[in-house]
């Protein structure tokens, strides 16, 4: 495997023309790449920050075998790789002078890339988060259902959605991938957040859903303010948005969880989500 088997581009349309079929061949494992590139296509190359995104693909025997993207300043995102492919990718990125502050990928791929990066640079990696990707099996509404009802968030909820998105990213220890106001505007535009509200109409929790792409959606984010947790509101919102997605005719419904949160993982399994694969996010630190 040679580093020049990989190619790199900042041309999103060119990348999708070349690698889009590959990404859609396993939409579950490639769900983040599909949703991020769709957001960039719709909202422009600065949707995630001031620096231009970078995309790349591995081609062998005339077929795309793997792909990556990075929206600075965030981590590199990579589809599943063999150790040899991960080593060639590390060499490829170094030859181009690309900064790699971290990587997120399926667990074995992330480990292989971090090991390769350390061999080439001496830099070490530390785990930032371990995640599990789930796919919906049969929906089961968790009991008892808390008092209240679900409703789709509208323009009048914009400020609350922006506030809760900011609180969610802070609580999970990640910088927001988008400006909270822009995120709220985008979600409201297609009905992408369901609120669980109390009987008096007070919003108590939210569950978001990504736009439909490649026949699937992903539930994200799910958030309940700290003072309201443990009462079933987040589970009720998640079950409600999942039911709404199924009613619309979509059958592939995914979500990611933080493996350090056993409560959330247990809840989603009770709702009917089943594990697909584990992912790991690493931060990469320069050699001293």
C-alpha atoms as a PDB file:
ATOM      1  CA  UNK A   1       0.000   0.000   0.000  1.00  0.00           C
ATOM      2  CA  UNK A   2       1.433   3.371  -1.085  1.00  0.00           C
ATOM      3  CA  UNK A   3       0.606   6.825   0.283  1.00  0.00           C
ATOM      4  CA  UNK A   4      -0.173   8.005  -3.249  1.00  0.00           C
ATOM      5  CA  UNK A   5      -2.981   5.451  -3.487  1.00  0.00           C
ATOM      6  CA  UNK A   6      -4.839   8.118  -1.516  1.00  0.00           C
ATOM      7  CA  UNK A   7      -5.903  11.385  -3.075  1.00  0.00           C
ATOM      8  CA  UNK A   8      -6.955  14.629  -1.400  1.00  0.00           C
ATOM      9  CA  UNK A   9      -9.228  17.460  -2.542  1.00  0.00           C
ATOM     10  CA  UNK A  10     -11.142  20.476  -1.292  1.00  0.00           C
ATOM     11  CA  UNK A  11     -13.706  20.094  -4.075  1.00  0.00           C
ATOM     12  CA  UNK A  12     -16.806  18.658  -2.393  1.00  0.00           C
ATOM     13  CA  UNK A  13     -18.688  17.974  -5.605  1.00  0.00           C
ATOM     14  CA  UNK A  14     -15.694  16.226  -7.101  1.00  0.00           C
ATOM     15  CA  UNK A  15     -15.265  14.151  -3.974  1.00  0.00           C
ATOM     16  CA  UNK A  16     -18.933  13.125  -3.943  1.00  0.00           C
ATOM     17  CA  UNK A  17     -18.841  12.286  -7.645  1.00  0.00           C
ATOM     18  CA  UNK A  18     -15.857  10.051  -6.985  1.00  0.00           C
ATOM     19  CA  UNK A  19     -16.638   8.573  -3.557  1.00  0.00           C
ATOM     20  CA  UNK A  20     -20.369   9.132  -3.058  1.00  0.00           C
ATOM     21  CA  UNK A  21     -21.291   5.651  -4.270  1.00  0.00           C
ATOM     22  CA  UNK A  22     -18.824   4.121  -1.835  1.00  0.00           C
ATOM     23  CA  UNK A  23     -20.240   6.140   1.085  1.00  0.00           C
ATOM     24  CA  UNK A  24     -23.763   5.036   0.209  1.00  0.00           C
ATOM     25  CA  UNK A  25     -22.687   1.392  -0.016  1.00  0.00           C
ATOM     26  CA  UNK A  26     -22.603   1.219   3.826  1.00  0.00           C
ATOM     27  CA  UNK A  27     -24.681   4.181   4.925  1.00  0.00           C
ATOM     28  CA  UNK A  28     -24.765   3.023   8.536  1.00  0.00           C
ATOM     29  CA  UNK A  29     -20.977   2.941   8.987  1.00  0.00           C
ATOM     30  CA  UNK A  30     -20.612   6.090   6.868  1.00  0.00           C
ATOM     31  CA  UNK A  31     -23.508   8.015   8.403  1.00  0.00           C
ATOM     32  CA  UNK A  32     -21.418  10.923   9.689  1.00  0.00           C
ATOM     33  CA  UNK A  33     -19.619  11.388   6.372  1.00  0.00           C
ATOM     34  CA  UNK A  34     -22.945  11.366   4.548  1.00  0.00           C
ATOM     35  CA  UNK A  35     -24.626  13.889   6.841  1.00  0.00           C
ATOM     36  CA  UNK A  36     -21.626  16.223   7.057  1.00  0.00           C
ATOM     37  CA  UNK A  37     -21.079  16.315   3.303  1.00  0.00           C
ATOM     38  CA  UNK A  38     -24.802  16.947   2.774  1.00  0.00           C
ATOM     39  CA  UNK A  39     -24.681  19.842   5.237  1.00  0.00           C
ATOM     40  CA  UNK A  40     -21.680  21.270   3.384  1.00  0.00           C
ATOM     41  CA  UNK A  41     -23.441  20.825   0.049  1.00  0.00           C
ATOM     42  CA  UNK A  42     -26.556  22.652   1.240  1.00  0.00           C
ATOM     43  CA  UNK A  43     -24.983  25.325   3.448  1.00  0.00           C
ATOM     44  CA  UNK A  44     -21.618  25.897   1.811  1.00  0.00           C
ATOM     45  CA  UNK A  45     -18.002  25.041   2.661  1.00  0.00           C
ATOM     46  CA  UNK A  46     -17.905  27.259   5.773  1.00  0.00           C
ATOM     47  CA  UNK A  47     -20.822  25.521   7.495  1.00  0.00           C
ATOM     48  CA  UNK A  48     -18.498  24.124  10.197  1.00  0.00           C
ATOM     49  CA  UNK A  49     -15.832  26.808  10.425  1.00  0.00           C
ATOM     50  CA  UNK A  50     -13.720  29.372   8.609  1.00  0.00           C
ATOM     51  CA  UNK A  51     -11.225  26.895   7.165  1.00  0.00           C
ATOM     52  CA  UNK A  52     -12.041  24.920   4.028  1.00  0.00           C
ATOM     53  CA  UNK A  53     -12.851  21.234   4.557  1.00  0.00           C
ATOM     54  CA  UNK A  54     -10.576  18.537   3.154  1.00  0.00           C
ATOM     55  CA  UNK A  55     -11.739  15.260   1.624  1.00  0.00           C
ATOM     56  CA  UNK A  56      -9.908  12.198   0.416  1.00  0.00           C
ATOM     57  CA  UNK A  57     -10.376   8.702  -0.916  1.00  0.00           C
ATOM     58  CA  UNK A  58      -8.392   5.511  -1.387  1.00  0.00           C
ATOM     59  CA  UNK A  59      -8.705   3.943  -4.817  1.00  0.00           C
ATOM     60  CA  UNK A  60      -7.439   0.504  -5.803  1.00  0.00           C
ATOM     61  CA  UNK A  61      -8.172  -1.448  -8.977  1.00  0.00           C
ATOM     62  CA  UNK A  62     -10.435   1.351 -10.159  1.00  0.00           C
ATOM     63  CA  UNK A  63     -12.669   1.269  -7.068  1.00  0.00           C
ATOM     64  CA  UNK A  64     -12.906   3.511  -4.007  1.00  0.00           C
ATOM     65  CA  UNK A  65     -12.075   1.443  -0.936  1.00  0.00           C
ATOM     66  CA  UNK A  66     -12.087   4.070   1.817  1.00  0.00           C
ATOM     67  CA  UNK A  67     -12.573   7.775   2.415  1.00  0.00           C
ATOM     68  CA  UNK A  68     -11.891  10.547   4.897  1.00  0.00           C
ATOM     69  CA  UNK A  69     -12.881  14.111   5.575  1.00  0.00           C
ATOM     70  CA  UNK A  70     -11.941  16.848   7.989  1.00  0.00           C
ATOM     71  CA  UNK A  71     -13.770  20.079   8.769  1.00  0.00           C
ATOM     72  CA  UNK A  72     -11.167  22.161  10.649  1.00  0.00           C
ATOM     73  CA  UNK A  73     -10.699  22.566  13.550  1.00  0.00           C
ATOM     74  CA  UNK A  74     -12.340  19.200  14.240  1.00  0.00           C
ATOM     75  CA  UNK A  75     -10.958  15.663  14.168  1.00  0.00           C
ATOM     76  CA  UNK A  76     -10.271  13.644  11.063  1.00  0.00           C
ATOM     77  CA  UNK A  77     -13.146  11.267  10.267  1.00  0.00           C
ATOM     78  CA  UNK A  78     -12.199   8.029   8.507  1.00  0.00           C
ATOM     79  CA  UNK A  79     -14.176   5.079   7.130  1.00  0.00           C
ATOM     80  CA  UNK A  80     -13.014   1.560   8.127  1.00  0.00           C
ATOM     81  CA  UNK A  81      -9.409   0.769   7.140  1.00  0.00           C
ATOM     82  CA  UNK A  82      -6.947  -2.081   7.340  1.00  0.00           C
ATOM     83  CA  UNK A  83      -3.710  -1.368   9.267  1.00  0.00           C
ATOM     84  CA  UNK A  84      -1.812  -1.018   5.961  1.00  0.00           C
ATOM     85  CA  UNK A  85      -4.379   1.445   4.650  1.00  0.00           C
ATOM     86  CA  UNK A  86      -4.184   3.411   7.905  1.00  0.00           C
ATOM     87  CA  UNK A  87      -0.394   3.579   7.651  1.00  0.00           C
ATOM     88  CA  UNK A  88      -0.578   4.791   4.045  1.00  0.00           C
ATOM     89  CA  UNK A  89      -3.151   7.432   5.057  1.00  0.00           C
ATOM     90  CA  UNK A  90      -0.896   8.740   7.830  1.00  0.00           C
ATOM     91  CA  UNK A  91       2.005   9.044   5.395  1.00  0.00           C
ATOM     92  CA  UNK A  92      -0.261  10.679   2.800  1.00  0.00           C
ATOM     93  CA  UNK A  93      -1.509  13.341   5.238  1.00  0.00           C
ATOM     94  CA  UNK A  94       1.997  14.069   6.468  1.00  0.00           C
ATOM     95  CA  UNK A  95       3.293  14.455   2.899  1.00  0.00           C
ATOM     96  CA  UNK A  96       0.562  17.038   2.271  1.00  0.00           C
ATOM     97  CA  UNK A  97       1.345  18.879   5.507  1.00  0.00           C
ATOM     98  CA  UNK A  98      -2.178  18.416   6.872  1.00  0.00           C
ATOM     99  CA  UNK A  99      -2.741  19.018  10.559  1.00  0.00           C
ATOM    100  CA  UNK A 100      -4.433  16.122  12.352  1.00  0.00           C
ATOM    101  CA  UNK A 101      -5.483  17.123  15.882  1.00  0.00           C
ATOM    102  CA  UNK A 102      -7.412  13.909  16.334  1.00  0.00           C
ATOM    103  CA  UNK A 103      -9.280  11.111  14.612  1.00  0.00           C
ATOM    104  CA  UNK A 104     -12.649   9.420  14.960  1.00  0.00           C
ATOM    105  CA  UNK A 105     -13.417   6.109  13.314  1.00  0.00           C
ATOM    106  CA  UNK A 106     -14.588   2.581  13.972  1.00  0.00           C
ATOM    107  CA  UNK A 107     -12.596   1.324  16.959  1.00  0.00           C
ATOM    108  CA  UNK A 108     -10.027  -0.859  15.180  1.00  0.00           C
ATOM    109  CA  UNK A 109      -9.483   1.747  12.463  1.00  0.00           C
ATOM    110  CA  UNK A 110      -8.981   4.523  15.000  1.00  0.00           C
ATOM    111  CA  UNK A 111      -6.454   2.418  16.902  1.00  0.00           C
ATOM    112  CA  UNK A 112      -4.602   1.519  13.682  1.00  0.00           C
ATOM    113  CA  UNK A 113      -4.428   5.146  12.552  1.00  0.00           C
ATOM    114  CA  UNK A 114      -3.195   6.396  15.939  1.00  0.00           C
ATOM    115  CA  UNK A 115      -0.493   3.711  15.961  1.00  0.00           C
ATOM    116  CA  UNK A 116       0.541   4.665  12.414  1.00  0.00           C
ATOM    117  CA  UNK A 117       0.575   8.371  13.242  1.00  0.00           C
ATOM    118  CA  UNK A 118       2.773   7.695  16.252  1.00  0.00           C
ATOM    119  CA  UNK A 119       5.202   5.660  14.133  1.00  0.00           C
ATOM    120  CA  UNK A 120       5.499   8.462  11.603  1.00  0.00           C
ATOM    121  CA  UNK A 121       5.533  11.455  13.975  1.00  0.00           C
ATOM    122  CA  UNK A 122       6.202  10.279  17.520  1.00  0.00           C
ATOM    123  CA  UNK A 123       2.916  11.878  18.556  1.00  0.00           C
ATOM    124  CA  UNK A 124       0.801  10.036  21.085  1.00  0.00           C
ATOM    125  CA  UNK A 125      -2.949   9.624  21.147  1.00  0.00           C
ATOM    126  CA  UNK A 126      -5.365   9.780  24.052  1.00  0.00           C
ATOM    127  CA  UNK A 127      -8.953   8.601  24.007  1.00  0.00           C
ATOM    128  CA  UNK A 128     -11.427  11.459  23.893  1.00  0.00           C
ATOM    129  CA  UNK A 129     -14.612   9.390  23.761  1.00  0.00           C
ATOM    130  CA  UNK A 130     -15.817   5.887  23.064  1.00  0.00           C
ATOM    131  CA  UNK A 131     -19.103   5.636  21.183  1.00  0.00           C
ATOM    132  CA  UNK A 132     -21.486   2.938  20.066  1.00  0.00           C
ATOM    133  CA  UNK A 133     -23.534   3.138  16.877  1.00  0.00           C
ATOM    134  CA  UNK A 134     -27.034   1.689  17.157  1.00  0.00           C
ATOM    135  CA  UNK A 135     -29.709   0.845  14.576  1.00  0.00           C
ATOM    136  CA  UNK A 136     -33.400   0.659  15.406  1.00  0.00           C
ATOM    137  CA  UNK A 137     -34.941  -2.806  15.545  1.00  0.00           C
ATOM    138  CA  UNK A 138     -38.525  -2.781  16.831  1.00  0.00           C
ATOM    139  CA  UNK A 139     -39.641   0.409  18.543  1.00  0.00           C
ATOM    140  CA  UNK A 140     -40.782  -0.020  22.142  1.00  0.00           C
ATOM    141  CA  UNK A 141     -42.018   3.038  24.036  1.00  0.00           C
ATOM    142  CA  UNK A 142     -40.450   3.040  27.523  1.00  0.00           C
ATOM    143  CA  UNK A 143     -42.932   2.829  30.377  1.00  0.00           C
ATOM    144  CA  UNK A 144     -44.240   4.662  32.253  1.00  0.00           C
ATOM    145  CA  UNK A 145     -44.607   7.536  29.780  1.00  0.00           C
ATOM    146  CA  UNK A 146     -44.194  10.835  31.653  1.00  0.00           C
ATOM    147  CA  UNK A 147     -47.032  13.332  31.660  1.00  0.00           C
ATOM    148  CA  UNK A 148     -46.943  15.647  28.684  1.00  0.00           C
ATOM    149  CA  UNK A 149     -46.767  15.422  24.906  1.00  0.00           C
ATOM    150  CA  UNK A 150     -44.404  15.619  21.967  1.00  0.00           C
ATOM    151  CA  UNK A 151     -44.384  18.426  19.407  1.00  0.00           C
ATOM    152  CA  UNK A 152     -42.098  19.488  16.600  1.00  0.00           C
ATOM    153  CA  UNK A 153     -40.060  22.603  17.456  1.00  0.00           C
ATOM    154  CA  UNK A 154     -40.874  25.694  15.408  1.00  0.00           C
ATOM    155  CA  UNK A 155     -39.438  29.200  14.874  1.00  0.00           C
ATOM    156  CA  UNK A 156     -40.741  30.300  18.266  1.00  0.00           C
ATOM    157  CA  UNK A 157     -38.379  27.770  19.891  1.00  0.00           C
ATOM    158  CA  UNK A 158     -35.228  29.011  18.140  1.00  0.00           C
ATOM    159  CA  UNK A 159     -33.587  30.599  21.175  1.00  0.00           C
ATOM    160  CA  UNK A 160     -34.330  27.602  23.384  1.00  0.00           C
ATOM    161  CA  UNK A 161     -32.920  25.193  20.807  1.00  0.00           C
ATOM    162  CA  UNK A 162     -29.750  27.269  20.452  1.00  0.00           C
ATOM    163  CA  UNK A 163     -29.361  27.386  24.244  1.00  0.00           C
ATOM    164  CA  UNK A 164     -29.932  23.661  24.666  1.00  0.00           C
ATOM    165  CA  UNK A 165     -27.572  22.802  21.808  1.00  0.00           C
ATOM    166  CA  UNK A 166     -24.864  24.857  23.501  1.00  0.00           C
ATOM    167  CA  UNK A 167     -25.549  23.159  26.828  1.00  0.00           C
ATOM    168  CA  UNK A 168     -25.507  19.730  25.172  1.00  0.00           C
ATOM    169  CA  UNK A 169     -22.104  20.285  23.568  1.00  0.00           C
ATOM    170  CA  UNK A 170     -20.710  21.641  26.832  1.00  0.00           C
ATOM    171  CA  UNK A 171     -22.092  18.697  28.804  1.00  0.00           C
ATOM    172  CA  UNK A 172     -20.562  16.196  26.372  1.00  0.00           C
ATOM    173  CA  UNK A 173     -17.207  17.985  26.417  1.00  0.00           C
ATOM    174  CA  UNK A 174     -17.169  18.923  22.745  1.00  0.00           C
ATOM    175  CA  UNK A 175     -17.019  22.263  21.011  1.00  0.00           C
ATOM    176  CA  UNK A 176     -20.196  22.831  18.994  1.00  0.00           C
ATOM    177  CA  UNK A 177     -19.743  21.709  15.402  1.00  0.00           C
ATOM    178  CA  UNK A 178     -21.834  24.691  14.274  1.00  0.00           C
ATOM    179  CA  UNK A 179     -22.880  28.059  15.652  1.00  0.00           C
ATOM    180  CA  UNK A 180     -25.836  27.278  17.965  1.00  0.00           C
ATOM    181  CA  UNK A 181     -28.086  29.801  16.267  1.00  0.00           C
ATOM    182  CA  UNK A 182     -27.278  28.473  12.805  1.00  0.00           C
ATOM    183  CA  UNK A 183     -27.818  24.929  14.063  1.00  0.00           C
ATOM    184  CA  UNK A 184     -31.236  25.894  15.454  1.00  0.00           C
ATOM    185  CA  UNK A 185     -32.234  27.640  12.221  1.00  0.00           C
ATOM    186  CA  UNK A 186     -31.236  24.612  10.149  1.00  0.00           C
ATOM    187  CA  UNK A 187     -33.144  22.179  12.356  1.00  0.00           C
ATOM    188  CA  UNK A 188     -36.283  24.305  12.462  1.00  0.00           C
ATOM    189  CA  UNK A 189     -36.226  24.587   8.652  1.00  0.00           C
ATOM    190  CA  UNK A 190     -37.030  20.888   8.216  1.00  0.00           C
ATOM    191  CA  UNK A 191     -38.698  20.032  11.534  1.00  0.00           C
ATOM    192  CA  UNK A 192     -35.527  18.434  12.827  1.00  0.00           C
ATOM    193  CA  UNK A 193     -36.170  18.669  16.583  1.00  0.00           C
ATOM    194  CA  UNK A 194     -38.971  17.143  18.646  1.00  0.00           C
ATOM    195  CA  UNK A 195     -39.643  18.591  22.088  1.00  0.00           C
ATOM    196  CA  UNK A 196     -41.241  16.787  24.993  1.00  0.00           C
ATOM    197  CA  UNK A 197     -43.283  19.362  26.857  1.00  0.00           C
ATOM    198  CA  UNK A 198     -45.160  19.206  30.118  1.00  0.00           C
ATOM    199  CA  UNK A 199     -48.910  19.479  30.435  1.00  0.00           C
ATOM    200  CA  UNK A 200     -48.529  23.255  30.853  1.00  0.00           C
ATOM    201  CA  UNK A 201     -46.563  23.509  27.600  1.00  0.00           C
ATOM    202  CA  UNK A 202     -43.108  23.895  29.185  1.00  0.00           C
ATOM    203  CA  UNK A 203     -40.366  22.220  27.068  1.00  0.00           C
ATOM    204  CA  UNK A 204     -38.616  19.542  29.134  1.00  0.00           C
ATOM    205  CA  UNK A 205     -36.330  17.688  26.687  1.00  0.00           C
ATOM    206  CA  UNK A 206     -35.439  17.527  23.011  1.00  0.00           C
ATOM    207  CA  UNK A 207     -34.518  14.845  20.491  1.00  0.00           C
ATOM    208  CA  UNK A 208     -33.144  15.875  17.121  1.00  0.00           C
ATOM    209  CA  UNK A 209     -33.020  14.043  13.814  1.00  0.00           C
ATOM    210  CA  UNK A 210     -30.681  14.537  10.864  1.00  0.00           C
ATOM    211  CA  UNK A 211     -32.033  15.043   7.328  1.00  0.00           C
ATOM    212  CA  UNK A 212     -32.846  11.951   5.304  1.00  0.00           C
ATOM    213  CA  UNK A 213     -29.910  10.824   3.181  1.00  0.00           C
ATOM    214  CA  UNK A 214     -29.134   7.437   1.640  1.00  0.00           C
ATOM    215  CA  UNK A 215     -32.433   6.125   3.017  1.00  0.00           C
ATOM    216  CA  UNK A 216     -31.575   6.764   6.660  1.00  0.00           C
ATOM    217  CA  UNK A 217     -31.665   9.325   9.447  1.00  0.00           C
ATOM    218  CA  UNK A 218     -29.794   9.585  12.734  1.00  0.00           C
ATOM    219  CA  UNK A 219     -31.295  10.655  16.041  1.00  0.00           C
ATOM    220  CA  UNK A 220     -29.104  13.463  17.419  1.00  0.00           C
ATOM    221  CA  UNK A 221     -28.823  15.173  19.761  1.00  0.00           C
ATOM    222  CA  UNK A 222     -30.920  14.019  22.724  1.00  0.00           C
ATOM    223  CA  UNK A 223     -30.802  16.492  25.603  1.00  0.00           C
ATOM    224  CA  UNK A 224     -32.557  17.043  28.918  1.00  0.00           C
ATOM    225  CA  UNK A 225     -31.485  19.935  31.193  1.00  0.00           C
ATOM    226  CA  UNK A 226     -29.611  18.660  34.235  1.00  0.00           C
ATOM    227  CA  UNK A 227     -32.314  19.614  36.726  1.00  0.00           C
ATOM    228  CA  UNK A 228     -34.962  17.634  34.791  1.00  0.00           C
ATOM    229  CA  UNK A 229     -33.082  14.378  34.249  1.00  0.00           C
ATOM    230  CA  UNK A 230     -34.155  11.007  35.593  1.00  0.00           C
ATOM    231  CA  UNK A 231     -37.853  11.567  34.890  1.00  0.00           C
ATOM    232  CA  UNK A 232     -38.133   9.901  31.488  1.00  0.00           C
ATOM    233  CA  UNK A 233     -38.400  13.060  29.386  1.00  0.00           C
ATOM    234  CA  UNK A 234     -35.415  12.294  27.144  1.00  0.00           C
ATOM    235  CA  UNK A 235     -36.630   8.756  26.524  1.00  0.00           C
ATOM    236  CA  UNK A 236     -40.125  10.004  25.728  1.00  0.00           C
ATOM    237  CA  UNK A 237     -38.735  12.544  23.241  1.00  0.00           C
ATOM    238  CA  UNK A 238     -36.516   9.904  21.625  1.00  0.00           C
ATOM    239  CA  UNK A 239     -39.381   7.423  21.289  1.00  0.00           C
ATOM    240  CA  UNK A 240     -41.634  10.158  19.867  1.00  0.00           C
ATOM    241  CA  UNK A 241     -39.175  11.328  17.216  1.00  0.00           C
ATOM    242  CA  UNK A 242     -38.381   7.709  16.322  1.00  0.00           C
ATOM    243  CA  UNK A 243     -42.077   6.953  15.844  1.00  0.00           C
ATOM    244  CA  UNK A 244     -42.458  10.065  13.697  1.00  0.00           C
ATOM    245  CA  UNK A 245     -39.556   8.960  11.478  1.00  0.00           C
ATOM    246  CA  UNK A 246     -41.074   5.494  11.039  1.00  0.00           C
ATOM    247  CA  UNK A 247     -44.467   7.005  10.214  1.00  0.00           C
ATOM    248  CA  UNK A 248     -42.828   9.028   7.434  1.00  0.00           C
ATOM    249  CA  UNK A 249     -41.713   5.764   5.815  1.00  0.00           C
ATOM    250  CA  UNK A 250     -38.043   5.762   6.810  1.00  0.00           C
ATOM    251  CA  UNK A 251     -36.890   2.363   8.067  1.00  0.00           C
ATOM    252  CA  UNK A 252     -33.211   2.931   8.786  1.00  0.00           C
ATOM    253  CA  UNK A 253     -32.876   4.898  12.022  1.00  0.00           C
ATOM    254  CA  UNK A 254     -29.492   5.238  13.733  1.00  0.00           C
ATOM    255  CA  UNK A 255     -28.021   6.896  16.791  1.00  0.00           C
ATOM    256  CA  UNK A 256     -24.680   7.197  18.572  1.00  0.00           C
ATOM    257  CA  UNK A 257     -24.202   6.934  22.316  1.00  0.00           C
ATOM    258  CA  UNK A 258     -21.348   7.745  24.650  1.00  0.00           C
ATOM    259  CA  UNK A 259     -20.247   4.415  26.128  1.00  0.00           C
ATOM    260  CA  UNK A 260     -19.355   6.131  29.394  1.00  0.00           C
ATOM    261  CA  UNK A 261     -23.089   6.762  29.929  1.00  0.00           C
ATOM    262  CA  UNK A 262     -24.654   3.409  30.895  1.00  0.00           C
ATOM    263  CA  UNK A 263     -28.025   5.050  31.571  1.00  0.00           C
ATOM    264  CA  UNK A 264     -28.330   6.324  28.017  1.00  0.00           C
ATOM    265  CA  UNK A 265     -27.130   3.053  26.487  1.00  0.00           C
ATOM    266  CA  UNK A 266     -29.631   1.088  28.541  1.00  0.00           C
ATOM    267  CA  UNK A 267     -32.458   3.447  27.608  1.00  0.00           C
ATOM    268  CA  UNK A 268     -31.867   3.249  23.872  1.00  0.00           C
ATOM    269  CA  UNK A 269     -31.713  -0.531  24.001  1.00  0.00           C
ATOM    270  CA  UNK A 270     -35.052  -0.595  25.840  1.00  0.00           C
ATOM    271  CA  UNK A 271     -36.525   1.600  23.115  1.00  0.00           C
ATOM    272  CA  UNK A 272     -35.384  -0.967  20.539  1.00  0.00           C
ATOM    273  CA  UNK A 273     -31.983   0.168  19.266  1.00  0.00           C
ATOM    274  CA  UNK A 274     -29.403  -2.562  18.602  1.00  0.00           C
ATOM    275  CA  UNK A 275     -25.614  -2.214  18.467  1.00  0.00           C
ATOM    276  CA  UNK A 276     -23.918  -1.969  15.055  1.00  0.00           C
ATOM    277  CA  UNK A 277     -20.292  -1.000  15.805  1.00  0.00           C
ATOM    278  CA  UNK A 278     -18.091   0.772  18.311  1.00  0.00           C
ATOM    279  CA  UNK A 279     -16.250   3.982  17.436  1.00  0.00           C
ATOM    280  CA  UNK A 280     -13.405   5.760  19.226  1.00  0.00           C
ATOM    281  CA  UNK A 281     -12.390   9.400  19.116  1.00  0.00           C
ATOM    282  CA  UNK A 282      -8.705  10.117  19.804  1.00  0.00           C
ATOM    283  CA  UNK A 283      -6.900  13.367  20.412  1.00  0.00           C
ATOM    284  CA  UNK A 284      -3.385  13.454  18.969  1.00  0.00           C
ATOM    285  CA  UNK A 285      -0.607  15.270  20.821  1.00  0.00           C
ATOM    286  CA  UNK A 286       2.688  16.415  19.400  1.00  0.00           C
ATOM    287  CA  UNK A 287       5.801  14.515  20.423  1.00  0.00           C
ATOM    288  CA  UNK A 288       7.814  16.273  23.093  1.00  0.00           C
END
